Amino acid sequence: MGKFIADPGRVRRGGEMMADLPDRANKIRDDFVSDMQTYRPWAGYNDDFALEVRPKYDANNNACLEFIDSVGLVFSSLRQAVLNNAREIEGVQSYANEEIAKQQSRLDGPGGDSTGGGRH
């Protein structure tokens, strides 16, 4: 309780594992556009049915494309956030290790006592 423990290597690997998620979203988008073109002629072009259905069809497809694009952006941003978090954790860890090493060298120096925590 009350402790935060992070393994920066695992956090970094998690971010690296997310690398292909934006590409997967792009693939979904490309497949959707391809399929969309396959079904587009089904409504016709200029008869009453086509004039009624096409605007809804186009609006629905555009909404789907916007959603897919948003998911791709979220994946990209999430990956970047995880990698930034790993860098922050590594920076804090490095700083703490340096400070511990400095304190240890002070205690091990002349007049220091690393067994009891400093001069008496």
PDB file of N, CA and C in Angstrom:
ATOM      1  N   MET A   1       0.831  -1.196   0.000  1.00  0.00           N
ATOM      2  CA  MET A   1       0.000   0.000   0.000  1.00  0.00           C
ATOM      3  C   MET A   1       0.867   1.249   0.000  1.00  0.00           C
ATOM      4  N   GLY A   2       0.475   2.229  -0.775  1.00  0.00           N
ATOM      5  CA  GLY A   2       1.173   3.490  -0.787  1.00  0.00           C
ATOM      6  C   GLY A   2       2.475   3.493  -1.554  1.00  0.00           C
ATOM      7  N   LYS A   3       2.783   2.401  -2.224  1.00  0.00           N
ATOM      8  CA  LYS A   3       4.021   2.331  -2.999  1.00  0.00           C
ATOM      9  C   LYS A   3       3.690   2.205  -4.473  1.00  0.00           C
ATOM     10  N   PHE A   4       4.537   2.828  -5.269  1.00  0.00           N
ATOM     11  CA  PHE A   4       4.418   2.688  -6.717  1.00  0.00           C
ATOM     12  C   PHE A   4       5.696   2.022  -7.195  1.00  0.00           C
ATOM     13  N   ILE A   5       5.552   0.881  -7.813  1.00  0.00           N
ATOM     14  CA  ILE A   5       6.702   0.149  -8.325  1.00  0.00           C
ATOM     15  C   ILE A   5       6.518  -0.015  -9.826  1.00  0.00           C
ATOM     16  N   ALA A   6       7.558   0.325 -10.569  1.00  0.00           N
ATOM     17  CA  ALA A   6       7.486   0.200 -12.026  1.00  0.00           C
ATOM     18  C   ALA A   6       8.768  -0.434 -12.537  1.00  0.00           C
ATOM     19  N   ASP A   7       8.612  -1.287 -13.483  1.00  0.00           N
ATOM     20  CA  ASP A   7       9.748  -1.893 -14.156  1.00  0.00           C
ATOM     21  C   ASP A   7       9.876  -1.196 -15.510  1.00  0.00           C
ATOM     22  N   PRO A   8      10.809  -0.244 -15.629  1.00  0.00           N
ATOM     23  CA  PRO A   8      10.883   0.537 -16.869  1.00  0.00           C
ATOM     24  C   PRO A   8      11.123  -0.315 -18.104  1.00  0.00           C
ATOM     25  N   GLY A   9      11.843  -1.403 -17.963  1.00  0.00           N
ATOM     26  CA  GLY A   9      12.070  -2.288 -19.110  1.00  0.00           C
ATOM     27  C   GLY A   9      10.775  -2.894 -19.614  1.00  0.00           C
ATOM     28  N   ARG A  10       9.934  -3.307 -18.688  1.00  0.00           N
ATOM     29  CA  ARG A  10       8.647  -3.893 -19.081  1.00  0.00           C
ATOM     30  C   ARG A  10       7.725  -2.833 -19.669  1.00  0.00           C
ATOM     31  N   VAL A  11       7.763  -1.625 -19.098  1.00  0.00           N
ATOM     32  CA  VAL A  11       6.946  -0.539 -19.646  1.00  0.00           C
ATOM     33  C   VAL A  11       7.401  -0.242 -21.074  1.00  0.00           C
ATOM     34  N   ARG A  12       8.711  -0.157 -21.287  1.00  0.00           N
ATOM     35  CA  ARG A  12       9.250   0.108 -22.620  1.00  0.00           C
ATOM     36  C   ARG A  12       8.861  -1.016 -23.591  1.00  0.00           C
ATOM     37  N   ARG A  13       8.996  -2.266 -23.162  1.00  0.00           N
ATOM     38  CA  ARG A  13       8.617  -3.384 -24.040  1.00  0.00           C
ATOM     39  C   ARG A  13       7.132  -3.326 -24.391  1.00  0.00           C
ATOM     40  N   GLY A  14       6.304  -2.913 -23.425  1.00  0.00           N
ATOM     41  CA  GLY A  14       4.878  -2.758 -23.709  1.00  0.00           C
ATOM     42  C   GLY A  14       4.641  -1.733 -24.808  1.00  0.00           C
ATOM     43  N   GLY A  15       5.359  -0.615 -24.721  1.00  0.00           N
ATOM     44  CA  GLY A  15       5.245   0.411 -25.761  1.00  0.00           C
ATOM     45  C   GLY A  15       5.722  -0.094 -27.103  1.00  0.00           C
ATOM     46  N   GLU A  16       6.804  -0.856 -27.087  1.00  0.00           N
ATOM     47  CA  GLU A  16       7.332  -1.393 -28.344  1.00  0.00           C
ATOM     48  C   GLU A  16       6.371  -2.412 -28.950  1.00  0.00           C
ATOM     49  N   MET A  17       5.672  -3.150 -28.082  1.00  0.00           N
ATOM     50  CA  MET A  17       4.713  -4.138 -28.590  1.00  0.00           C
ATOM     51  C   MET A  17       3.515  -3.465 -29.270  1.00  0.00           C
ATOM     52  N   MET A  18       3.295  -2.196 -28.947  1.00  0.00           N
ATOM     53  CA  MET A  18       2.183  -1.455 -29.540  1.00  0.00           C
ATOM     54  C   MET A  18       2.541  -0.867 -30.909  1.00  0.00           C
ATOM     55  N   ALA A  19       3.750  -1.080 -31.363  1.00  0.00           N
ATOM     56  CA  ALA A  19       4.245  -0.417 -32.578  1.00  0.00           C
ATOM     57  C   ALA A  19       3.373  -0.675 -33.796  1.00  0.00           C
ATOM     58  N   ASP A  20       2.832  -1.866 -33.931  1.00  0.00           N
ATOM     59  CA  ASP A  20       2.087  -2.178 -35.146  1.00  0.00           C
ATOM     60  C   ASP A  20       0.599  -1.845 -35.059  1.00  0.00           C
ATOM     61  N   LEU A  21       0.123  -1.361 -33.914  1.00  0.00           N
ATOM     62  CA  LEU A  21      -1.304  -1.049 -33.795  1.00  0.00           C
ATOM     63  C   LEU A  21      -1.761   0.050 -34.761  1.00  0.00           C
ATOM     64  N   PRO A  22      -1.020   1.158 -34.910  1.00  0.00           N
ATOM     65  CA  PRO A  22      -1.455   2.151 -35.906  1.00  0.00           C
ATOM     66  C   PRO A  22      -1.485   1.582 -37.328  1.00  0.00           C
ATOM     67  N   ASP A  23      -0.536   0.714 -37.643  1.00  0.00           N
ATOM     68  CA  ASP A  23      -0.525   0.088 -38.971  1.00  0.00           C
ATOM     69  C   ASP A  23      -1.741  -0.813 -39.161  1.00  0.00           C
ATOM     70  N   ARG A  24      -2.135  -1.486 -38.091  1.00  0.00           N
ATOM     71  CA  ARG A  24      -3.328  -2.332 -38.177  1.00  0.00           C
ATOM     72  C   ARG A  24      -4.572  -1.483 -38.430  1.00  0.00           C
ATOM     73  N   ALA A  25      -4.647  -0.329 -37.771  1.00  0.00           N
ATOM     74  CA  ALA A  25      -5.785   0.570 -38.005  1.00  0.00           C
ATOM     75  C   ALA A  25      -5.777   1.054 -39.458  1.00  0.00           C
ATOM     76  N   ASN A  26      -4.603   1.365 -39.991  1.00  0.00           N
ATOM     77  CA  ASN A  26      -4.515   1.778 -41.404  1.00  0.00           C
ATOM     78  C   ASN A  26      -4.965   0.661 -42.331  1.00  0.00           C
ATOM     79  N   LYS A  27      -4.623  -0.569 -42.001  1.00  0.00           N
ATOM     80  CA  LYS A  27      -5.035  -1.722 -42.809  1.00  0.00           C
ATOM     81  C   LYS A  27      -6.558  -1.871 -42.770  1.00  0.00           C
ATOM     82  N   ILE A  28      -7.133  -1.701 -41.590  1.00  0.00           N
ATOM     83  CA  ILE A  28      -8.594  -1.762 -41.469  1.00  0.00           C
ATOM     84  C   ILE A  28      -9.226  -0.682 -42.346  1.00  0.00           C
ATOM     85  N   ARG A  29      -8.642   0.506 -42.318  1.00  0.00           N
ATOM     86  CA  ARG A  29      -9.160   1.617 -43.131  1.00  0.00           C
ATOM     87  C   ARG A  29      -9.084   1.271 -44.616  1.00  0.00           C
ATOM     88  N   ASP A  30      -7.933   0.777 -45.050  1.00  0.00           N
ATOM     89  CA  ASP A  30      -7.765   0.427 -46.464  1.00  0.00           C
ATOM     90  C   ASP A  30      -8.760  -0.645 -46.890  1.00  0.00           C
ATOM     91  N   ASP A  31      -8.944  -1.659 -46.050  1.00  0.00           N
ATOM     92  CA  ASP A  31      -9.900  -2.727 -46.366  1.00  0.00           C
ATOM     93  C   ASP A  31     -11.326  -2.183 -46.431  1.00  0.00           C
ATOM     94  N   PHE A  32     -11.639  -1.277 -45.499  1.00  0.00           N
ATOM     95  CA  PHE A  32     -12.983  -0.694 -45.480  1.00  0.00           C
ATOM     96  C   PHE A  32     -13.243   0.111 -46.758  1.00  0.00           C
ATOM     97  N   VAL A  33     -12.278   0.914 -47.152  1.00  0.00           N
ATOM     98  CA  VAL A  33     -12.430   1.725 -48.376  1.00  0.00           C
ATOM     99  C   VAL A  33     -12.603   0.804 -49.584  1.00  0.00           C
ATOM    100  N   SER A  34     -11.828  -0.258 -49.638  1.00  0.00           N
ATOM    101  CA  SER A  34     -11.945  -1.202 -50.749  1.00  0.00           C
ATOM    102  C   SER A  34     -13.335  -1.847 -50.777  1.00  0.00           C
ATOM    103  N   ASP A  35     -13.798  -2.300 -49.616  1.00  0.00           N
ATOM    104  CA  ASP A  35     -15.130  -2.916 -49.545  1.00  0.00           C
ATOM    105  C   ASP A  35     -16.223  -1.902 -49.861  1.00  0.00           C
ATOM    106  N   MET A  36     -16.031  -0.676 -49.400  1.00  0.00           N
ATOM    107  CA  MET A  36     -17.008   0.377 -49.633  1.00  0.00           C
ATOM    108  C   MET A  36     -17.204   0.580 -51.144  1.00  0.00           C
ATOM    109  N   GLN A  37     -16.125   0.559 -51.881  1.00  0.00           N
ATOM    110  CA  GLN A  37     -16.203   0.740 -53.335  1.00  0.00           C
ATOM    111  C   GLN A  37     -16.911  -0.441 -54.006  1.00  0.00           C
ATOM    112  N   THR A  38     -16.783  -1.617 -53.413  1.00  0.00           N
ATOM    113  CA  THR A  38     -17.452  -2.802 -53.959  1.00  0.00           C
ATOM    114  C   THR A  38     -18.962  -2.654 -53.875  1.00  0.00           C
ATOM    115  N   TYR A  39     -19.452  -2.115 -52.745  1.00  0.00           N
ATOM    116  CA  TYR A  39     -20.900  -2.033 -52.526  1.00  0.00           C
ATOM    117  C   TYR A  39     -21.531  -0.744 -53.035  1.00  0.00           C
ATOM    118  N   ARG A  40     -20.729   0.239 -53.344  1.00  0.00           N
ATOM    119  CA  ARG A  40     -21.249   1.543 -53.761  1.00  0.00           C
ATOM    120  C   ARG A  40     -22.228   1.450 -54.945  1.00  0.00           C
ATOM    121  N   PRO A  41     -21.956   0.676 -55.984  1.00  0.00           N
ATOM    122  CA  PRO A  41     -22.871   0.638 -57.141  1.00  0.00           C
ATOM    123  C   PRO A  41     -24.231  -0.006 -56.836  1.00  0.00           C
ATOM    124  N   TRP A  42     -24.357  -0.738 -55.745  1.00  0.00           N
ATOM    125  CA  TRP A  42     -25.593  -1.472 -55.475  1.00  0.00           C
ATOM    126  C   TRP A  42     -26.809  -0.561 -55.360  1.00  0.00           C
ATOM    127  N   ALA A  43     -26.623   0.657 -54.914  1.00  0.00           N
ATOM    128  CA  ALA A  43     -27.771   1.551 -54.725  1.00  0.00           C
ATOM    129  C   ALA A  43     -28.199   2.218 -56.029  1.00  0.00           C
ATOM    130  N   GLY A  44     -27.408   2.045 -57.054  1.00  0.00           N
ATOM    131  CA  GLY A  44     -27.709   2.733 -58.298  1.00  0.00           C
ATOM    132  C   GLY A  44     -27.026   4.090 -58.309  1.00  0.00           C
ATOM    133  N   TYR A  45     -27.356   4.901 -59.323  1.00  0.00           N
ATOM    134  CA  TYR A  45     -26.651   6.167 -59.467  1.00  0.00           C
ATOM    135  C   TYR A  45     -27.564   7.388 -59.475  1.00  0.00           C
ATOM    136  N   ASN A  46     -28.645   7.339 -60.222  1.00  0.00           N
ATOM    137  CA  ASN A  46     -29.430   8.558 -60.354  1.00  0.00           C
ATOM    138  C   ASN A  46     -30.940   8.344 -60.281  1.00  0.00           C
ATOM    139  N   ASP A  47     -31.374   7.155 -59.918  1.00  0.00           N
ATOM    140  CA  ASP A  47     -32.818   6.951 -59.758  1.00  0.00           C
ATOM    141  C   ASP A  47     -33.248   7.421 -58.367  1.00  0.00           C
ATOM    142  N   ASP A  48     -34.523   7.377 -58.090  1.00  0.00           N
ATOM    143  CA  ASP A  48     -35.040   7.870 -56.809  1.00  0.00           C
ATOM    144  C   ASP A  48     -34.418   7.134 -55.620  1.00  0.00           C
ATOM    145  N   PHE A  49     -34.285   5.822 -55.752  1.00  0.00           N
ATOM    146  CA  PHE A  49     -33.701   5.035 -54.647  1.00  0.00           C
ATOM    147  C   PHE A  49     -32.263   5.479 -54.383  1.00  0.00           C
ATOM    148  N   ALA A  50     -31.492   5.634 -55.435  1.00  0.00           N
ATOM    149  CA  ALA A  50     -30.092   6.049 -55.270  1.00  0.00           C
ATOM    150  C   ALA A  50     -30.003   7.446 -54.643  1.00  0.00           C
ATOM    151  N   LEU A  51     -30.863   8.352 -55.099  1.00  0.00           N
ATOM    152  CA  LEU A  51     -30.831   9.712 -54.565  1.00  0.00           C
ATOM    153  C   LEU A  51     -31.221   9.752 -53.084  1.00  0.00           C
ATOM    154  N   GLU A  52     -32.026   8.788 -52.643  1.00  0.00           N
ATOM    155  CA  GLU A  52     -32.416   8.721 -51.228  1.00  0.00           C
ATOM    156  C   GLU A  52     -31.365   7.998 -50.389  1.00  0.00           C
ATOM    157  N   VAL A  53     -30.806   6.939 -50.918  1.00  0.00           N
ATOM    158  CA  VAL A  53     -29.917   6.075 -50.133  1.00  0.00           C
ATOM    159  C   VAL A  53     -28.465   6.552 -50.122  1.00  0.00           C
ATOM    160  N   ARG A  54     -27.984   7.056 -51.237  1.00  0.00           N
ATOM    161  CA  ARG A  54     -26.556   7.426 -51.339  1.00  0.00           C
ATOM    162  C   ARG A  54     -26.078   8.418 -50.286  1.00  0.00           C
ATOM    163  N   PRO A  55     -26.810   9.489 -50.011  1.00  0.00           N
ATOM    164  CA  PRO A  55     -26.319  10.413 -48.976  1.00  0.00           C
ATOM    165  C   PRO A  55     -26.167   9.738 -47.610  1.00  0.00           C
ATOM    166  N   LYS A  56     -27.098   8.852 -47.266  1.00  0.00           N
ATOM    167  CA  LYS A  56     -27.002   8.123 -45.994  1.00  0.00           C
ATOM    168  C   LYS A  56     -25.825   7.150 -46.028  1.00  0.00           C
ATOM    169  N   TYR A  57     -25.670   6.480 -47.152  1.00  0.00           N
ATOM    170  CA  TYR A  57     -24.568   5.530 -47.325  1.00  0.00           C
ATOM    171  C   TYR A  57     -23.224   6.253 -47.181  1.00  0.00           C
ATOM    172  N   ASP A  58     -23.091   7.388 -47.873  1.00  0.00           N
ATOM    173  CA  ASP A  58     -21.845   8.157 -47.804  1.00  0.00           C
ATOM    174  C   ASP A  58     -21.598   8.703 -46.401  1.00  0.00           C
ATOM    175  N   ALA A  59     -22.642   9.214 -45.754  1.00  0.00           N
ATOM    176  CA  ALA A  59     -22.492   9.756 -44.399  1.00  0.00           C
ATOM    177  C   ALA A  59     -22.074   8.662 -43.420  1.00  0.00           C
ATOM    178  N   ASN A  60     -22.696   7.505 -43.544  1.00  0.00           N
ATOM    179  CA  ASN A  60     -22.352   6.384 -42.667  1.00  0.00           C
ATOM    180  C   ASN A  60     -20.906   5.952 -42.889  1.00  0.00           C
ATOM    181  N   ASN A  61     -20.508   5.839 -44.142  1.00  0.00           N
ATOM    182  CA  ASN A  61     -19.130   5.429 -44.439  1.00  0.00           C
ATOM    183  C   ASN A  61     -18.119   6.462 -43.950  1.00  0.00           C
ATOM    184  N   ASN A  62     -18.434   7.741 -44.113  1.00  0.00           N
ATOM    185  CA  ASN A  62     -17.531   8.787 -43.627  1.00  0.00           C
ATOM    186  C   ASN A  62     -17.401   8.743 -42.111  1.00  0.00           C
ATOM    187  N   ALA A  63     -18.508   8.486 -41.430  1.00  0.00           N
ATOM    188  CA  ALA A  63     -18.460   8.366 -39.964  1.00  0.00           C
ATOM    189  C   ALA A  63     -17.585   7.175 -39.560  1.00  0.00           C
ATOM    190  N   CYS A  64     -17.712   6.074 -40.282  1.00  0.00           N
ATOM    191  CA  CYS A  64     -16.875   4.897 -39.990  1.00  0.00           C
ATOM    192  C   CYS A  64     -15.398   5.203 -40.225  1.00  0.00           C
ATOM    193  N   LEU A  65     -15.100   5.887 -41.304  1.00  0.00           N
ATOM    194  CA  LEU A  65     -13.708   6.252 -41.598  1.00  0.00           C
ATOM    195  C   LEU A  65     -13.137   7.187 -40.536  1.00  0.00           C
ATOM    196  N   GLU A  66     -13.941   8.146 -40.098  1.00  0.00           N
ATOM    197  CA  GLU A  66     -13.487   9.047 -39.033  1.00  0.00           C
ATOM    198  C   GLU A  66     -13.203   8.270 -37.750  1.00  0.00           C
ATOM    199  N   PHE A  67     -14.052   7.301 -37.448  1.00  0.00           N
ATOM    200  CA  PHE A  67     -13.841   6.474 -36.255  1.00  0.00           C
ATOM    201  C   PHE A  67     -12.549   5.666 -36.376  1.00  0.00           C
ATOM    202  N   ILE A  68     -12.350   5.037 -37.513  1.00  0.00           N
ATOM    203  CA  ILE A  68     -11.136   4.239 -37.730  1.00  0.00           C
ATOM    204  C   ILE A  68      -9.896   5.126 -37.620  1.00  0.00           C
ATOM    205  N   ASP A  69      -9.954   6.322 -38.213  1.00  0.00           N
ATOM    206  CA  ASP A  69      -8.834   7.261 -38.120  1.00  0.00           C
ATOM    207  C   ASP A  69      -8.572   7.657 -36.660  1.00  0.00           C
ATOM    208  N   SER A  70      -9.637   7.848 -35.905  1.00  0.00           N
ATOM    209  CA  SER A  70      -9.495   8.206 -34.491  1.00  0.00           C
ATOM    210  C   SER A  70      -8.854   7.077 -33.699  1.00  0.00           C
ATOM    211  N   VAL A  71      -9.251   5.860 -33.984  1.00  0.00           N
ATOM    212  CA  VAL A  71      -8.660   4.708 -33.292  1.00  0.00           C
ATOM    213  C   VAL A  71      -7.168   4.626 -33.608  1.00  0.00           C
ATOM    214  N   GLY A  72      -6.796   4.834 -34.860  1.00  0.00           N
ATOM    215  CA  GLY A  72      -5.380   4.837 -35.236  1.00  0.00           C
ATOM    216  C   GLY A  72      -4.603   5.911 -34.500  1.00  0.00           C
ATOM    217  N   LEU A  73      -5.186   7.097 -34.382  1.00  0.00           N
ATOM    218  CA  LEU A  73      -4.538   8.192 -33.655  1.00  0.00           C
ATOM    219  C   LEU A  73      -4.409   7.863 -32.170  1.00  0.00           C
ATOM    220  N   VAL A  74      -5.436   7.261 -31.604  1.00  0.00           N
ATOM    221  CA  VAL A  74      -5.380   6.855 -30.192  1.00  0.00           C
ATOM    222  C   VAL A  74      -4.261   5.842 -29.984  1.00  0.00           C
ATOM    223  N   PHE A  75      -4.164   4.860 -30.854  1.00  0.00           N
ATOM    224  CA  PHE A  75      -3.099   3.855 -30.730  1.00  0.00           C
ATOM    225  C   PHE A  75      -1.722   4.522 -30.794  1.00  0.00           C
ATOM    226  N   SER A  76      -1.557   5.424 -31.719  1.00  0.00           N
ATOM    227  CA  SER A  76      -0.284   6.126 -31.872  1.00  0.00           C
ATOM    228  C   SER A  76       0.040   6.942 -30.627  1.00  0.00           C
ATOM    229  N   SER A  77      -0.937   7.686 -30.146  1.00  0.00           N
ATOM    230  CA  SER A  77      -0.736   8.529 -28.969  1.00  0.00           C
ATOM    231  C   SER A  77      -0.493   7.694 -27.719  1.00  0.00           C
ATOM    232  N   LEU A  78      -1.215   6.603 -27.574  1.00  0.00           N
ATOM    233  CA  LEU A  78      -1.039   5.735 -26.419  1.00  0.00           C
ATOM    234  C   LEU A  78       0.360   5.135 -26.407  1.00  0.00           C
ATOM    235  N   ARG A  79       0.814   4.687 -27.546  1.00  0.00           N
ATOM    236  CA  ARG A  79       2.166   4.121 -27.629  1.00  0.00           C
ATOM    237  C   ARG A  79       3.194   5.174 -27.238  1.00  0.00           C
ATOM    238  N   GLN A  80       3.051   6.376 -27.769  1.00  0.00           N
ATOM    239  CA  GLN A  80       3.996   7.441 -27.443  1.00  0.00           C
ATOM    240  C   GLN A  80       3.972   7.763 -25.955  1.00  0.00           C
ATOM    241  N   ALA A  81       2.778   7.771 -25.355  1.00  0.00           N
ATOM    242  CA  ALA A  81       2.655   8.050 -23.924  1.00  0.00           C
ATOM    243  C   ALA A  81       3.337   6.967 -23.090  1.00  0.00           C
ATOM    244  N   VAL A  82       3.174   5.717 -23.478  1.00  0.00           N
ATOM    245  CA  VAL A  82       3.813   4.620 -22.742  1.00  0.00           C
ATOM    246  C   VAL A  82       5.336   4.727 -22.849  1.00  0.00           C
ATOM    247  N   LEU A  83       5.841   5.018 -24.049  1.00  0.00           N
ATOM    248  CA  LEU A  83       7.296   5.155 -24.213  1.00  0.00           C
ATOM    249  C   LEU A  83       7.828   6.367 -23.447  1.00  0.00           C
ATOM    250  N   ASN A  84       7.069   7.465 -23.438  1.00  0.00           N
ATOM    251  CA  ASN A  84       7.476   8.638 -22.651  1.00  0.00           C
ATOM    252  C   ASN A  84       7.491   8.307 -21.165  1.00  0.00           C
ATOM    253  N   ASN A  85       6.512   7.546 -20.724  1.00  0.00           N
ATOM    254  CA  ASN A  85       6.451   7.131 -19.324  1.00  0.00           C
ATOM    255  C   ASN A  85       7.671   6.280 -18.970  1.00  0.00           C
ATOM    256  N   ALA A  86       8.050   5.387 -19.853  1.00  0.00           N
ATOM    257  CA  ALA A  86       9.240   4.551 -19.613  1.00  0.00           C
ATOM    258  C   ALA A  86      10.479   5.430 -19.484  1.00  0.00           C
ATOM    259  N   ARG A  87      10.608   6.432 -20.357  1.00  0.00           N
ATOM    260  CA  ARG A  87      11.763   7.342 -20.276  1.00  0.00           C
ATOM    261  C   ARG A  87      11.775   8.108 -18.958  1.00  0.00           C
ATOM    262  N   GLU A  88      10.608   8.550 -18.515  1.00  0.00           N
ATOM    263  CA  GLU A  88      10.517   9.272 -17.238  1.00  0.00           C
ATOM    264  C   GLU A  88      10.928   8.372 -16.080  1.00  0.00           C
ATOM    265  N   ILE A  89      10.429   7.152 -16.081  1.00  0.00           N
ATOM    266  CA  ILE A  89      10.771   6.213 -15.011  1.00  0.00           C
ATOM    267  C   ILE A  89      12.271   5.947 -15.014  1.00  0.00           C
ATOM    268  N   GLU A  90      12.834   5.746 -16.204  1.00  0.00           N
ATOM    269  CA  GLU A  90      14.279   5.506 -16.305  1.00  0.00           C
ATOM    270  C   GLU A  90      15.068   6.715 -15.811  1.00  0.00           C
ATOM    271  N   GLY A  91      14.573   7.918 -16.114  1.00  0.00           N
ATOM    272  CA  GLY A  91      15.257   9.132 -15.657  1.00  0.00           C
ATOM    273  C   GLY A  91      15.237   9.251 -14.145  1.00  0.00           C
ATOM    274  N   VAL A  92      14.094   9.007 -13.547  1.00  0.00           N
ATOM    275  CA  VAL A  92      13.986   9.063 -12.084  1.00  0.00           C
ATOM    276  C   VAL A  92      14.862   7.981 -11.457  1.00  0.00           C
ATOM    277  N   GLN A  93      14.833   6.797 -12.033  1.00  0.00           N
ATOM    278  CA  GLN A  93      15.636   5.694 -11.509  1.00  0.00           C
ATOM    279  C   GLN A  93      17.127   6.023 -11.610  1.00  0.00           C
ATOM    280  N   SER A  94      17.538   6.577 -12.729  1.00  0.00           N
ATOM    281  CA  SER A  94      18.943   6.936 -12.925  1.00  0.00           C
ATOM    282  C   SER A  94      19.356   8.015 -11.928  1.00  0.00           C
ATOM    283  N   TYR A  95      18.527   9.021 -11.758  1.00  0.00           N
ATOM    284  CA  TYR A  95      18.823  10.092 -10.808  1.00  0.00           C
ATOM    285  C   TYR A  95      18.944   9.532  -9.390  1.00  0.00           C
ATOM    286  N   ALA A  96      18.014   8.674  -9.000  1.00  0.00           N
ATOM    287  CA  ALA A  96      18.057   8.083  -7.655  1.00  0.00           C
ATOM    288  C   ALA A  96      19.318   7.258  -7.465  1.00  0.00           C
ATOM    289  N   ASN A  97      19.684   6.480  -8.467  1.00  0.00           N
ATOM    290  CA  ASN A  97      20.910   5.666  -8.362  1.00  0.00           C
ATOM    291  C   ASN A  97      22.153   6.547  -8.241  1.00  0.00           C
ATOM    292  N   GLU A  98      22.187   7.650  -8.992  1.00  0.00           N
ATOM    293  CA  GLU A  98      23.328   8.580  -8.898  1.00  0.00           C
ATOM    294  C   GLU A  98      23.413   9.197  -7.509  1.00  0.00           C
ATOM    295  N   GLU A  99      22.273   9.597  -6.973  1.00  0.00           N
ATOM    296  CA  GLU A  99      22.258  10.208  -5.639  1.00  0.00           C
ATOM    297  C   GLU A  99      22.662   9.201  -4.568  1.00  0.00           C
ATOM    298  N   ILE A 100      22.231   7.971  -4.715  1.00  0.00           N
ATOM    299  CA  ILE A 100      22.625   6.918  -3.771  1.00  0.00           C
ATOM    300  C   ILE A 100      24.129   6.689  -3.859  1.00  0.00           C
ATOM    301  N   ALA A 101      24.658   6.647  -5.083  1.00  0.00           N
ATOM    302  CA  ALA A 101      26.099   6.451  -5.271  1.00  0.00           C
ATOM    303  C   ALA A 101      26.888   7.612  -4.664  1.00  0.00           C
ATOM    304  N   LYS A 102      26.409   8.856  -4.841  1.00  0.00           N
ATOM    305  CA  LYS A 102      27.092  10.001  -4.248  1.00  0.00           C
ATOM    306  C   LYS A 102      27.102   9.894  -2.729  1.00  0.00           C
ATOM    307  N   GLN A 103      25.970   9.567  -2.159  1.00  0.00           N
ATOM    308  CA  GLN A 103      25.875   9.443  -0.699  1.00  0.00           C
ATOM    309  C   GLN A 103      26.774   8.320  -0.212  1.00  0.00           C
ATOM    310  N   GLN A 104      26.795   7.223  -0.929  1.00  0.00           N
ATOM    311  CA  GLN A 104      27.634   6.086  -0.544  1.00  0.00           C
ATOM    312  C   GLN A 104      29.105   6.479  -0.598  1.00  0.00           C
ATOM    313  N   SER A 105      29.520   7.228  -1.633  1.00  0.00           N
ATOM    314  CA  SER A 105      30.929   7.626  -1.732  1.00  0.00           C
ATOM    315  C   SER A 105      31.289   8.611  -0.624  1.00  0.00           C
ATOM    316  N   ARG A 106      30.361   9.452  -0.212  1.00  0.00           N
ATOM    317  CA  ARG A 106      30.619  10.355   0.919  1.00  0.00           C
ATOM    318  C   ARG A 106      30.831   9.572   2.199  1.00  0.00           C
ATOM    319  N   LEU A 107      30.012   8.553   2.361  1.00  0.00           N
ATOM    320  CA  LEU A 107      30.110   7.740   3.580  1.00  0.00           C
ATOM    321  C   LEU A 107      31.374   6.888   3.589  1.00  0.00           C
ATOM    322  N   ASP A 108      31.818   6.478   2.405  1.00  0.00           N
ATOM    323  CA  ASP A 108      33.020   5.645   2.307  1.00  0.00           C
ATOM    324  C   ASP A 108      34.296   6.468   2.303  1.00  0.00           C
ATOM    325  N   GLY A 109      34.191   7.793   2.213  1.00  0.00           N
ATOM    326  CA  GLY A 109      35.372   8.656   2.161  1.00  0.00           C
ATOM    327  C   GLY A 109      35.995   8.833   3.541  1.00  0.00           C
ATOM    328  N   PRO A 110      37.017   9.672   3.612  1.00  0.00           N
ATOM    329  CA  PRO A 110      37.702   9.910   4.879  1.00  0.00           C
ATOM    330  C   PRO A 110      36.717  10.443   5.929  1.00  0.00           C
ATOM    331  N   GLY A 111      36.720   9.802   7.075  1.00  0.00           N
ATOM    332  CA  GLY A 111      35.852  10.213   8.159  1.00  0.00           C
ATOM    333  C   GLY A 111      34.439   9.712   8.027  1.00  0.00           C
ATOM    334  N   GLY A 112      34.134   9.065   6.946  1.00  0.00           N
ATOM    335  CA  GLY A 112      32.775   8.541   6.740  1.00  0.00           C
ATOM    336  C   GLY A 112      32.657   7.162   7.337  1.00  0.00           C
ATOM    337  N   ASP A 113      31.447   6.743   7.502  1.00  0.00           N
ATOM    338  CA  ASP A 113      31.181   5.422   8.058  1.00  0.00           C
ATOM    339  C   ASP A 113      29.966   4.848   7.345  1.00  0.00           C
ATOM    340  N   SER A 114      30.203   4.000   6.370  1.00  0.00           N
ATOM    341  CA  SER A 114      29.094   3.468   5.596  1.00  0.00           C
ATOM    342  C   SER A 114      28.308   2.413   6.367  1.00  0.00           C
ATOM    343  N   THR A 115      28.805   2.008   7.519  1.00  0.00           N
ATOM    344  CA  THR A 115      28.065   1.007   8.278  1.00  0.00           C
ATOM    345  C   THR A 115      27.019   1.623   9.165  1.00  0.00           C
ATOM    346  N   GLY A 116      27.231   2.868   9.583  1.00  0.00           N
ATOM    347  CA  GLY A 116      26.298   3.451  10.518  1.00  0.00           C
ATOM    348  C   GLY A 116      25.607   4.692  10.039  1.00  0.00           C
ATOM    349  N   GLY A 117      25.909   5.157   8.852  1.00  0.00           N
ATOM    350  CA  GLY A 117      25.183   6.268   8.315  1.00  0.00           C
ATOM    351  C   GLY A 117      25.850   7.615   8.496  1.00  0.00           C
ATOM    352  N   GLY A 118      27.163   7.709   8.461  1.00  0.00           N
ATOM    353  CA  GLY A 118      27.799   9.011   8.475  1.00  0.00           C
ATOM    354  C   GLY A 118      28.723   9.207   9.658  1.00  0.00           C
ATOM    355  N   ARG A 119      29.164  10.432   9.827  1.00  0.00           N
ATOM    356  CA  ARG A 119      30.095  10.761  10.900  1.00  0.00           C
ATOM    357  C   ARG A 119      29.391  10.793  12.234  1.00  0.00           C
ATOM    358  N   HIS A 120      30.196  10.548  13.282  1.00  0.00           N
ATOM    359  CA  HIS A 120      29.645  10.588  14.641  1.00  0.00           C
ATOM    360  C   HIS A 120      30.338  11.642  15.435  1.00  0.00           C
TER     361      HIS A 120
END
